PDB file of N, CA and C in Angstrom:
ATOM      1  N   MET A   1      94.828  71.246  94.500  1.00  0.00           N
ATOM      2  CA  MET A   1      94.539  72.806  94.523  1.00  0.00           C
ATOM      3  C   MET A   1      95.373  73.227  95.965  1.00  0.00           C
ATOM      4  N   LEU A   2      95.470  72.364  97.002  1.00  0.00           N
ATOM      5  CA  LEU A   2      96.362  72.528  98.006  1.00  0.00           C
ATOM      6  C   LEU A   2      97.867  72.840  97.488  1.00  0.00           C
ATOM      7  N   ALA A   3      98.192  72.144  96.720  1.00  0.00           N
ATOM      8  CA  ALA A   3      99.619  71.944  96.261  1.00  0.00           C
ATOM      9  C   ALA A   3      99.845  73.488  95.584  1.00  0.00           C
ATOM     10  N   SER A   4      99.098  73.653  94.685  1.00  0.00           N
ATOM     11  CA  SER A   4      99.332  75.106  93.905  1.00  0.00           C
ATOM     12  C   SER A   4      99.312  76.346  95.106  1.00  0.00           C
ATOM     13  N   PHE A   5      98.609  76.161  95.699  1.00  0.00           N
ATOM     14  CA  PHE A   5      98.690  77.242  97.135  1.00  0.00           C
ATOM     15  C   PHE A   5      99.915  77.261  97.721  1.00  0.00           C
ATOM     16  N   THR A   6     100.569  75.931  98.232  1.00  0.00           N
ATOM     17  CA  THR A   6     101.777  75.816  98.877  1.00  0.00           C
ATOM     18  C   THR A   6     102.844  76.244  97.690  1.00  0.00           C
ATOM     19  N   MET A   7     102.556  75.987  96.672  1.00  0.00           N
ATOM     20  CA  MET A   7     103.973  76.531  95.749  1.00  0.00           C
ATOM     21  C   MET A   7     103.861  77.852  95.452  1.00  0.00           C
ATOM     22  N   ALA A   8     102.556  78.727  95.504  1.00  0.00           N
ATOM     23  CA  ALA A   8     102.525  79.906  95.470  1.00  0.00           C
ATOM     24  C   ALA A   8     103.028  80.822  96.472  1.00  0.00           C
ATOM     25  N   PHE A   9     102.661  80.036  97.693  1.00  0.00           N
ATOM     26  CA  PHE A   9     103.145  81.052  98.732  1.00  0.00           C
ATOM     27  C   PHE A   9     104.531  80.655  99.246  1.00  0.00           C
ATOM     28  N   GLY A  10     104.951  79.518  98.656  1.00  0.00           N
ATOM     29  CA  GLY A  10     106.268  79.077  99.091  1.00  0.00           C
ATOM     30  C   GLY A  10     107.541  79.878  98.124  1.00  0.00           C
ATOM     31  N   GLN A  11     106.845  80.720  97.078  1.00  0.00           N
ATOM     32  CA  GLN A  11     107.388  81.464  96.192  1.00  0.00           C
ATOM     33  C   GLN A  11     107.892  83.037  97.058  1.00  0.00           C
ATOM     34  N   LEU A  12     106.901  83.155  98.125  1.00  0.00           N
ATOM     35  CA  LEU A  12     107.228  84.570  98.643  1.00  0.00           C
ATOM     36  C   LEU A  12     108.732  84.754  99.493  1.00  0.00           C
ATOM     37  N   ASN A  13     109.322  83.817  99.630  1.00  0.00           N
ATOM     38  CA  ASN A  13     110.604  83.693 100.106  1.00  0.00           C
ATOM     39  C   ASN A  13     111.881  83.921  99.117  1.00  0.00           C
ATOM     40  N   ASP A  14     111.152  83.414  97.806  1.00  0.00           N
ATOM     41  CA  ASP A  14     112.402  83.708  96.642  1.00  0.00           C
ATOM     42  C   ASP A  14     112.423  85.288  96.209  1.00  0.00           C
ATOM     43  N   SER A  15     113.761  85.553  96.235  1.00  0.00           N
ATOM     44  CA  SER A  15     113.846  87.258  95.612  1.00  0.00           C
ATOM     45  C   SER A  15     113.636  87.641  94.597  1.00  0.00           C
ATOM     46  N   ARG A  16     113.724  86.371  93.809  1.00  0.00           N
ATOM     47  CA  ARG A  16     113.186  86.894  92.224  1.00  0.00           C
ATOM     48  C   ARG A  16     111.931  87.326  92.205  1.00  0.00           C
ATOM     49  N   PHE A  17     110.853  86.759  93.045  1.00  0.00           N
ATOM     50  CA  PHE A  17     109.642  87.153  92.817  1.00  0.00           C
ATOM     51  C   PHE A  17     109.194  88.113  93.933  1.00  0.00           C
ATOM     52  N   LEU A  18     109.977  88.339  95.037  1.00  0.00           N
ATOM     53  CA  LEU A  18     109.656  89.419  96.110  1.00  0.00           C
ATOM     54  C   LEU A  18     110.155  90.666  95.595  1.00  0.00           C
ATOM     55  N   LYS A  19     111.093  90.602  94.947  1.00  0.00           N
ATOM     56  CA  LYS A  19     111.762  92.078  94.598  1.00  0.00           C
ATOM     57  C   LYS A  19     110.838  92.927  93.495  1.00  0.00           C
ATOM     58  N   PRO A  20     110.367  92.397  92.470  1.00  0.00           N
ATOM     59  CA  PRO A  20     109.404  92.917  91.466  1.00  0.00           C
ATOM     60  C   PRO A  20     108.230  93.316  92.303  1.00  0.00           C
ATOM     61  N   LEU A  21     107.669  92.688  93.381  1.00  0.00           N
ATOM     62  CA  LEU A  21     106.351  92.629  93.907  1.00  0.00           C
ATOM     63  C   LEU A  21     106.637  93.643  94.709  1.00  0.00           C
ATOM     64  N   LEU A  22     107.563  93.935  95.396  1.00  0.00           N
ATOM     65  CA  LEU A  22     107.753  95.172  96.398  1.00  0.00           C
ATOM     66  C   LEU A  22     107.790  96.523  95.798  1.00  0.00           C
ATOM     67  N   TYR A  23     108.645  96.411  94.395  1.00  0.00           N
ATOM     68  CA  TYR A  23     108.854  97.384  93.710  1.00  0.00           C
ATOM     69  C   TYR A  23     107.351  97.863  93.094  1.00  0.00           C
ATOM     70  N   SER A  24     106.599  96.986  92.880  1.00  0.00           N
ATOM     71  CA  SER A  24     105.571  97.266  91.699  1.00  0.00           C
ATOM     72  C   SER A  24     104.660  97.938  93.067  1.00  0.00           C
ATOM     73  N   LEU A  25     104.544  97.462  94.364  1.00  0.00           N
ATOM     74  CA  LEU A  25     103.738  97.904  95.380  1.00  0.00           C
ATOM     75  C   LEU A  25     104.298  99.353  95.794  1.00  0.00           C
ATOM     76  N   GLY A  26     105.201  99.523  95.850  1.00  0.00           N
ATOM     77  CA  GLY A  26     105.859 100.734  96.230  1.00  0.00           C
ATOM     78  C   GLY A  26     105.869 102.086  95.054  1.00  0.00           C
ATOM     79  N   LEU A  27     105.729 101.492  93.905  1.00  0.00           N
ATOM     80  CA  LEU A  27     105.558 102.328  92.641  1.00  0.00           C
ATOM     81  C   LEU A  27     104.290 102.760  92.862  1.00  0.00           C
ATOM     82  N   SER A  28     103.127 101.672  93.203  1.00  0.00           N
ATOM     83  CA  SER A  28     101.726 102.165  93.172  1.00  0.00           C
ATOM     84  C   SER A  28     101.430 103.066  94.265  1.00  0.00           C
ATOM     85  N   LEU A  29     102.219 102.948  95.303  1.00  0.00           N
ATOM     86  CA  LEU A  29     101.746 103.682  96.626  1.00  0.00           C
ATOM     87  C   LEU A  29     102.244 105.306  96.230  1.00  0.00           C
ATOM     88  N   VAL A  30     103.413 105.125  95.652  1.00  0.00           N
ATOM     89  CA  VAL A  30     104.076 106.865  95.144  1.00  0.00           C
ATOM     90  C   VAL A  30     102.742 107.378  94.148  1.00  0.00           C
ATOM     91  N   VAL A  31     102.759 106.684  93.138  1.00  0.00           N
ATOM     92  CA  VAL A  31     101.645 107.153  92.222  1.00  0.00           C
ATOM     93  C   VAL A  31     100.317 107.516  93.076  1.00  0.00           C
ATOM     94  N   ALA A  32      99.797 106.770  93.757  1.00  0.00           N
ATOM     95  CA  ALA A  32      98.534 107.067  94.383  1.00  0.00           C
ATOM     96  C   ALA A  32      98.707 108.082  95.202  1.00  0.00           C
ATOM     97  N   LEU A  33      99.715 108.563  95.946  1.00  0.00           N
ATOM     98  CA  LEU A  33     100.111 109.869  96.882  1.00  0.00           C
ATOM     99  C   LEU A  33     100.385 110.887  95.983  1.00  0.00           C
ATOM    100  N   ILE A  34     100.576 110.681  94.640  1.00  0.00           N
ATOM    101  CA  ILE A  34     100.631 112.109  93.540  1.00  0.00           C
ATOM    102  C   ILE A  34      99.545 112.219  93.190  1.00  0.00           C
ATOM    103  N   ALA A  35      99.111 111.228  92.605  1.00  0.00           N
ATOM    104  CA  ALA A  35      97.990 111.534  91.646  1.00  0.00           C
ATOM    105  C   ALA A  35      96.533 111.729  92.541  1.00  0.00           C
ATOM    106  N   LEU A  36      96.038 111.201  93.445  1.00  0.00           N
ATOM    107  CA  LEU A  36      94.741 111.484  94.337  1.00  0.00           C
ATOM    108  C   LEU A  36      95.000 113.067  94.498  1.00  0.00           C
ATOM    109  N   PRO A  37      95.933 113.380  95.303  1.00  0.00           N
ATOM    110  CA  PRO A  37      95.764 114.795  95.490  1.00  0.00           C
ATOM    111  C   PRO A  37      95.743 115.827  94.565  1.00  0.00           C
ATOM    112  N   ALA A  38      96.489 115.447  93.239  1.00  0.00           N
ATOM    113  CA  ALA A  38      96.275 116.187  92.069  1.00  0.00           C
ATOM    114  C   ALA A  38      95.024 116.257  91.466  1.00  0.00           C
ATOM    115  N   GLY A  39      94.411 114.943  91.516  1.00  0.00           N
ATOM    116  CA  GLY A  39      93.001 114.849  91.113  1.00  0.00           C
ATOM    117  C   GLY A  39      91.922 115.518  91.716  1.00  0.00           C
ATOM    118  N   TYR A  40      92.239 115.830  93.593  1.00  0.00           N
ATOM    119  CA  TYR A  40      91.337 116.473  94.124  1.00  0.00           C
ATOM    120  C   TYR A  40      91.534 118.005  93.981  1.00  0.00           C
ATOM    121  N   LEU A  41      92.748 118.194  94.060  1.00  0.00           N
ATOM    122  CA  LEU A  41      93.093 119.886  93.658  1.00  0.00           C
ATOM    123  C   LEU A  41      92.318 120.079  92.232  1.00  0.00           C
ATOM    124  N   GLY A  42      92.446 119.251  91.349  1.00  0.00           N
ATOM    125  CA  GLY A  42      92.244 119.787  90.109  1.00  0.00           C
ATOM    126  C   GLY A  42      90.798 120.083  89.913  1.00  0.00           C
ATOM    127  N   PHE A  43      89.814 118.761  90.617  1.00  0.00           N
ATOM    128  CA  PHE A  43      88.412 119.324  90.499  1.00  0.00           C
ATOM    129  C   PHE A  43      87.961 119.978  91.341  1.00  0.00           C
ATOM    130  N   GLU A  44      88.914 120.675  92.552  1.00  0.00           N
ATOM    131  CA  GLU A  44      88.321 121.956  93.193  1.00  0.00           C
ATOM    132  C   GLU A  44      88.555 123.016  92.266  1.00  0.00           C
ATOM    133  N   TRP A  45      89.646 123.365  91.644  1.00  0.00           N
ATOM    134  CA  TRP A  45      90.086 124.151  90.602  1.00  0.00           C
ATOM    135  C   TRP A  45      88.986 124.536  89.642  1.00  0.00           C
ATOM    136  N   LEU A  46      88.591 123.334  89.129  1.00  0.00           N
ATOM    137  CA  LEU A  46      87.446 123.245  87.956  1.00  0.00           C
ATOM    138  C   LEU A  46      86.136 123.642  88.604  1.00  0.00           C
ATOM    139  N   ASN A  47      85.859 123.446  90.007  1.00  0.00           N
ATOM    140  CA  ASN A  47      84.839 123.661  90.595  1.00  0.00           C
ATOM    141  C   ASN A  47      84.438 125.187  90.878  1.00  0.00           C
ATOM    142  N   GLN A  48      85.583 125.662  91.271  1.00  0.00           N
ATOM    143  CA  GLN A  48      85.816 127.128  91.536  1.00  0.00           C
ATOM    144  C   GLN A  48      85.929 128.004  90.077  1.00  0.00           C
ATOM    145  N   ALA A  49      86.241 127.435  89.125  1.00  0.00           N
ATOM    146  CA  ALA A  49      86.262 128.078  87.955  1.00  0.00           C
ATOM    147  C   ALA A  49      84.880 128.368  87.128  1.00  0.00           C
ATOM    148  N   PHE A  50      84.248 127.288  87.455  1.00  0.00           N
ATOM    149  CA  PHE A  50      82.587 127.396  87.089  1.00  0.00           C
ATOM    150  C   PHE A  50      81.664 127.785  87.813  1.00  0.00           C
ATOM    151  N   LEU A  51      82.168 128.031  89.033  1.00  0.00           N
ATOM    152  CA  LEU A  51      80.942 128.690  89.716  1.00  0.00           C
ATOM    153  C   LEU A  51      81.014 130.252  89.819  1.00  0.00           C
TER     154      LEU A  51
END
């Protein structure tokens, strides 16, 4: 089990592993920064529309 952990953390220095990881984390951050305020504003709009 310890060998699998060392192998997994050893991949962090490999650019073939690190580049897609950073791209996916960046994409998820951008989507969250767009989707969360849009969802909040949408619910606020619906709240005002039905009150």
